[in-house]
N, C-alpha and C. Protein backbone atom coordinates (compact mmCIF):
# COMPACT_ATOMS: atom_id res chain seq x y z
N UNK A 1 146.85 71.45 23.98
CA UNK A 1 146.65 71.64 22.57
C UNK A 1 145.19 71.34 22.22
N UNK A 2 144.57 72.24 21.50
CA UNK A 2 143.19 72.04 21.10
C UNK A 2 143.12 71.14 19.87
N UNK A 3 142.11 70.28 19.89
CA UNK A 3 141.81 69.44 18.74
C UNK A 3 140.34 69.58 18.43
N UNK A 4 139.98 69.31 17.18
CA UNK A 4 138.58 69.41 16.78
C UNK A 4 138.29 68.41 15.67
N UNK A 5 137.02 68.11 15.50
CA UNK A 5 136.56 67.27 14.40
C UNK A 5 135.72 68.15 13.50
N UNK A 6 136.10 68.22 12.20
CA UNK A 6 135.34 69.00 11.23
C UNK A 6 134.82 68.08 10.15
N UNK A 7 133.78 68.53 9.46
CA UNK A 7 133.21 67.75 8.36
C UNK A 7 133.29 68.58 7.08
N UNK A 8 133.87 68.01 6.04
CA UNK A 8 133.92 68.64 4.73
C UNK A 8 134.05 67.56 3.67
N UNK A 9 133.36 67.74 2.57
CA UNK A 9 133.43 66.78 1.48
C UNK A 9 132.84 65.42 1.83
N UNK A 10 131.90 65.38 2.77
CA UNK A 10 131.28 64.11 3.14
C UNK A 10 132.13 63.26 4.06
N UNK A 11 133.23 63.80 4.57
CA UNK A 11 134.11 63.06 5.48
C UNK A 11 134.38 63.89 6.72
N UNK A 12 134.82 63.23 7.79
CA UNK A 12 135.16 63.92 9.02
C UNK A 12 136.66 63.79 9.27
N UNK A 13 137.27 64.87 9.76
CA UNK A 13 138.71 64.91 9.99
C UNK A 13 138.99 65.36 11.42
N UNK A 14 139.92 64.68 12.10
CA UNK A 14 140.40 65.09 13.41
C UNK A 14 141.62 65.97 13.16
N UNK A 15 141.56 67.22 13.62
CA UNK A 15 142.61 68.19 13.32
C UNK A 15 143.13 68.83 14.60
N UNK A 16 144.31 69.43 14.50
CA UNK A 16 144.91 70.20 15.59
C UNK A 16 145.44 71.50 15.01
N UNK A 17 145.72 72.48 15.87
CA UNK A 17 146.22 73.76 15.40
C UNK A 17 147.61 73.60 14.78
N UNK A 18 147.84 74.28 13.66
CA UNK A 18 149.13 74.24 12.99
C UNK A 18 149.35 73.03 12.11
N UNK A 19 148.36 72.20 11.95
CA UNK A 19 148.49 70.95 11.21
C UNK A 19 148.15 71.16 9.73
N UNK A 20 148.81 70.41 8.85
CA UNK A 20 148.48 70.38 7.42
C UNK A 20 147.52 69.23 7.17
N UNK A 21 146.43 69.51 6.45
CA UNK A 21 145.40 68.49 6.21
C UNK A 21 145.06 68.49 4.73
N UNK A 22 144.98 67.30 4.13
CA UNK A 22 144.51 67.15 2.75
C UNK A 22 143.04 66.74 2.82
N UNK A 23 142.14 67.59 2.30
CA UNK A 23 140.71 67.30 2.33
C UNK A 23 140.21 67.21 0.88
N UNK A 24 138.97 66.76 0.72
CA UNK A 24 138.36 66.71 -0.60
C UNK A 24 138.36 68.11 -1.19
N UNK A 25 138.33 68.21 -2.50
CA UNK A 25 138.42 69.49 -3.20
C UNK A 25 137.32 70.44 -2.73
N UNK A 26 137.73 71.64 -2.32
CA UNK A 26 136.80 72.69 -1.89
C UNK A 26 136.67 73.66 -3.06
N UNK A 27 135.47 73.73 -3.63
CA UNK A 27 135.24 74.64 -4.76
C UNK A 27 135.27 76.08 -4.26
N UNK A 28 135.73 76.99 -5.10
CA UNK A 28 135.80 78.42 -4.78
C UNK A 28 136.55 78.67 -3.48
N UNK A 29 137.68 78.01 -3.30
CA UNK A 29 138.46 78.15 -2.08
C UNK A 29 139.17 79.51 -2.08
N UNK A 30 138.86 80.33 -1.09
CA UNK A 30 139.51 81.62 -0.93
C UNK A 30 140.82 81.40 -0.17
N UNK A 31 141.42 82.47 0.34
CA UNK A 31 142.67 82.33 1.07
C UNK A 31 142.47 81.71 2.44
N UNK A 32 141.27 81.89 3.01
CA UNK A 32 140.98 81.25 4.30
C UNK A 32 139.55 80.72 4.29
N UNK A 33 139.35 79.63 5.01
CA UNK A 33 138.05 78.97 5.09
C UNK A 33 137.74 78.76 6.56
N UNK A 34 136.48 78.88 6.93
CA UNK A 34 136.10 78.59 8.31
C UNK A 34 135.12 77.43 8.34
N UNK A 35 135.24 76.60 9.37
CA UNK A 35 134.39 75.43 9.55
C UNK A 35 133.73 75.51 10.92
N UNK A 36 132.56 74.89 11.03
CA UNK A 36 131.90 74.73 12.32
C UNK A 36 132.25 73.34 12.84
N UNK A 37 132.95 73.24 13.97
CA UNK A 37 133.40 71.93 14.45
C UNK A 37 132.25 71.10 15.03
N UNK A 38 132.35 69.79 14.87
CA UNK A 38 131.38 68.86 15.43
C UNK A 38 131.74 68.49 16.86
N UNK A 39 133.05 68.55 17.18
CA UNK A 39 133.54 68.18 18.50
C UNK A 39 134.81 68.97 18.77
N UNK A 40 134.99 69.45 19.99
CA UNK A 40 136.19 70.20 20.37
C UNK A 40 136.78 69.56 21.62
N UNK A 41 138.10 69.29 21.57
CA UNK A 41 138.83 68.73 22.71
C UNK A 41 139.85 69.76 23.14
N UNK A 42 139.73 70.24 24.39
CA UNK A 42 140.65 71.23 24.94
C UNK A 42 141.19 70.68 26.25
N UNK A 43 142.27 69.92 26.16
CA UNK A 43 142.84 69.30 27.35
C UNK A 43 141.90 68.24 27.90
N UNK A 44 141.35 68.50 29.08
CA UNK A 44 140.41 67.58 29.72
C UNK A 44 138.96 67.85 29.30
N UNK A 45 138.68 69.05 28.79
CA UNK A 45 137.31 69.43 28.43
C UNK A 45 136.96 68.94 27.03
N UNK A 46 135.80 68.30 26.90
CA UNK A 46 135.31 67.84 25.61
C UNK A 46 133.93 68.44 25.38
N UNK A 47 133.77 69.12 24.24
CA UNK A 47 132.47 69.72 23.90
C UNK A 47 131.94 69.03 22.65
N UNK A 48 130.75 68.45 22.77
CA UNK A 48 130.12 67.76 21.65
C UNK A 48 128.96 68.61 21.18
N UNK A 49 128.89 68.86 19.89
CA UNK A 49 127.84 69.69 19.34
C UNK A 49 126.67 68.88 18.83
N UNK A 50 125.56 69.56 18.65
CA UNK A 50 124.41 68.90 18.07
C UNK A 50 123.75 69.84 17.05
N UNK A 51 124.11 69.92 15.82
CA UNK A 51 125.15 69.16 15.14
C UNK A 51 126.55 69.78 15.26
N UNK A 52 126.65 71.08 15.60
CA UNK A 52 127.97 71.68 15.74
C UNK A 52 128.06 72.42 17.08
N UNK A 53 129.30 72.66 17.51
CA UNK A 53 129.54 73.34 18.79
C UNK A 53 129.27 74.84 18.60
N UNK A 54 128.45 75.42 19.47
CA UNK A 54 128.09 76.84 19.36
C UNK A 54 129.24 77.73 19.81
N UNK A 55 129.45 78.83 19.06
CA UNK A 55 130.44 79.83 19.45
C UNK A 55 131.88 79.47 19.15
N UNK A 56 132.12 78.39 18.45
CA UNK A 56 133.50 77.98 18.13
C UNK A 56 133.62 77.86 16.62
N UNK A 57 134.72 78.39 16.07
CA UNK A 57 135.00 78.27 14.65
C UNK A 57 136.42 77.78 14.45
N UNK A 58 136.61 76.99 13.42
CA UNK A 58 137.93 76.54 13.01
C UNK A 58 138.29 77.33 11.76
N UNK A 59 139.42 78.03 11.79
CA UNK A 59 139.86 78.84 10.66
C UNK A 59 141.09 78.17 10.05
N UNK A 60 141.02 77.96 8.72
CA UNK A 60 142.12 77.31 8.01
C UNK A 60 142.49 78.16 6.81
N UNK A 61 143.79 78.21 6.50
CA UNK A 61 144.26 78.91 5.32
C UNK A 61 144.60 77.90 4.24
N UNK A 62 144.33 78.26 3.00
CA UNK A 62 144.57 77.36 1.87
C UNK A 62 146.03 77.43 1.49
N UNK A 63 146.72 76.29 1.54
CA UNK A 63 148.12 76.22 1.14
C UNK A 63 148.21 75.93 -0.35
N UNK A 64 147.47 74.94 -0.80
CA UNK A 64 147.44 74.58 -2.22
C UNK A 64 146.00 74.27 -2.60
N UNK A 65 145.51 74.95 -3.64
CA UNK A 65 144.09 74.84 -3.96
C UNK A 65 143.73 73.52 -4.63
N UNK A 66 144.61 72.98 -5.43
CA UNK A 66 144.26 71.74 -6.12
C UNK A 66 145.47 70.83 -6.25
N UNK A 67 145.48 69.78 -5.49
CA UNK A 67 146.52 68.75 -5.54
C UNK A 67 145.82 67.45 -5.93
N UNK A 68 146.60 66.47 -6.35
CA UNK A 68 146.01 65.19 -6.68
C UNK A 68 146.59 64.13 -5.75
N UNK A 69 145.71 63.26 -5.27
CA UNK A 69 146.11 62.21 -4.35
C UNK A 69 146.85 61.11 -5.11
N UNK A 70 147.33 60.12 -4.37
CA UNK A 70 148.00 59.00 -4.99
C UNK A 70 147.02 58.20 -5.82
N UNK A 71 147.53 57.51 -6.84
CA UNK A 71 146.66 56.77 -7.73
C UNK A 71 146.10 55.52 -7.05
N UNK A 72 144.81 55.30 -7.25
CA UNK A 72 144.13 54.10 -6.77
C UNK A 72 143.76 53.29 -8.01
N UNK A 73 144.17 52.03 -8.04
CA UNK A 73 143.87 51.20 -9.20
C UNK A 73 142.87 50.12 -8.84
N UNK A 74 142.03 49.80 -9.81
CA UNK A 74 141.11 48.68 -9.64
C UNK A 74 141.27 47.77 -10.85
N UNK A 75 141.22 46.49 -10.61
CA UNK A 75 141.48 45.50 -11.67
C UNK A 75 140.29 44.56 -11.79
N UNK A 76 139.86 44.36 -13.02
CA UNK A 76 138.84 43.35 -13.32
C UNK A 76 139.56 42.23 -14.05
N UNK A 77 139.50 41.03 -13.52
CA UNK A 77 140.25 39.91 -14.09
C UNK A 77 139.43 38.64 -14.01
N UNK A 78 139.38 37.90 -15.11
CA UNK A 78 138.75 36.59 -15.13
C UNK A 78 139.77 35.58 -15.61
N UNK A 79 140.01 34.59 -14.78
CA UNK A 79 141.02 33.60 -15.10
C UNK A 79 140.60 32.75 -16.31
N UNK A 80 141.55 32.41 -17.14
CA UNK A 80 141.39 31.51 -18.30
C UNK A 80 140.45 32.06 -19.37
N UNK A 81 140.07 33.33 -19.30
CA UNK A 81 139.14 33.91 -20.28
C UNK A 81 139.78 35.03 -21.09
N UNK A 82 141.04 35.36 -20.80
CA UNK A 82 141.74 36.47 -21.45
C UNK A 82 140.99 37.79 -21.27
N UNK A 83 140.40 37.96 -20.10
CA UNK A 83 139.67 39.18 -19.77
C UNK A 83 140.38 39.86 -18.61
N UNK A 84 140.88 41.07 -18.83
CA UNK A 84 141.44 41.88 -17.75
C UNK A 84 141.34 43.34 -18.15
N UNK A 85 141.01 44.16 -17.17
CA UNK A 85 140.85 45.59 -17.38
C UNK A 85 141.38 46.31 -16.15
N UNK A 86 142.20 47.32 -16.35
CA UNK A 86 142.78 48.08 -15.24
C UNK A 86 142.28 49.52 -15.33
N UNK A 87 141.75 50.03 -14.24
CA UNK A 87 141.28 51.41 -14.15
C UNK A 87 142.10 52.13 -13.07
N UNK A 88 142.43 53.39 -13.31
CA UNK A 88 143.13 54.20 -12.32
C UNK A 88 142.38 55.49 -12.05
N UNK A 89 142.55 56.02 -10.83
CA UNK A 89 141.86 57.27 -10.46
C UNK A 89 142.73 58.04 -9.47
N UNK A 90 142.83 59.35 -9.68
CA UNK A 90 143.51 60.24 -8.74
C UNK A 90 142.53 61.32 -8.31
N UNK A 91 142.22 61.36 -7.01
CA UNK A 91 141.23 62.29 -6.47
C UNK A 91 141.84 63.67 -6.32
N UNK A 92 141.07 64.72 -6.65
CA UNK A 92 141.51 66.10 -6.44
C UNK A 92 141.31 66.47 -4.98
N UNK A 93 142.31 67.17 -4.41
CA UNK A 93 142.27 67.53 -3.00
C UNK A 93 142.71 68.97 -2.81
N UNK A 94 142.37 69.54 -1.65
CA UNK A 94 142.82 70.86 -1.24
C UNK A 94 143.66 70.71 0.02
N UNK A 95 144.81 71.38 0.07
CA UNK A 95 145.67 71.31 1.26
C UNK A 95 145.40 72.53 2.13
N UNK A 96 145.09 72.27 3.41
CA UNK A 96 144.76 73.33 4.36
C UNK A 96 145.75 73.32 5.53
N UNK A 97 146.07 74.50 6.05
CA UNK A 97 146.83 74.63 7.29
C UNK A 97 145.87 75.22 8.33
N UNK A 98 145.69 74.51 9.43
CA UNK A 98 144.75 74.93 10.45
C UNK A 98 145.37 76.08 11.24
N UNK A 99 144.76 77.27 11.16
CA UNK A 99 145.29 78.46 11.83
C UNK A 99 144.88 78.52 13.29
N UNK A 100 143.57 78.40 13.54
CA UNK A 100 143.12 78.52 14.93
C UNK A 100 141.84 77.74 15.15
N UNK A 101 141.68 77.30 16.39
CA UNK A 101 140.45 76.65 16.84
C UNK A 101 139.95 77.48 18.03
N UNK A 102 138.83 78.12 17.86
CA UNK A 102 138.35 78.93 18.98
C UNK A 102 137.31 79.94 18.58
């Protein structure tokens, strides 16, 4: 099974063929997106790119263009001062299905 490391949205993801991946929101996402992999693992063979592996593309199809991640809360609290503030945030994400690595 082929695996690869791709970079999108300022983060790196280890992916495999046929896998569902939630990545940072991709603006203007068409039905399919291609990425240049940073690293490709094919069984025993490992190809490391500088910065990307030549001649290899990762093709992914968009399953859902805009989903929201789970809520992350942050709390500001000062004891004995009656000061507390709660903030919440849900990050927008794109769901991708990895079609092929090659």
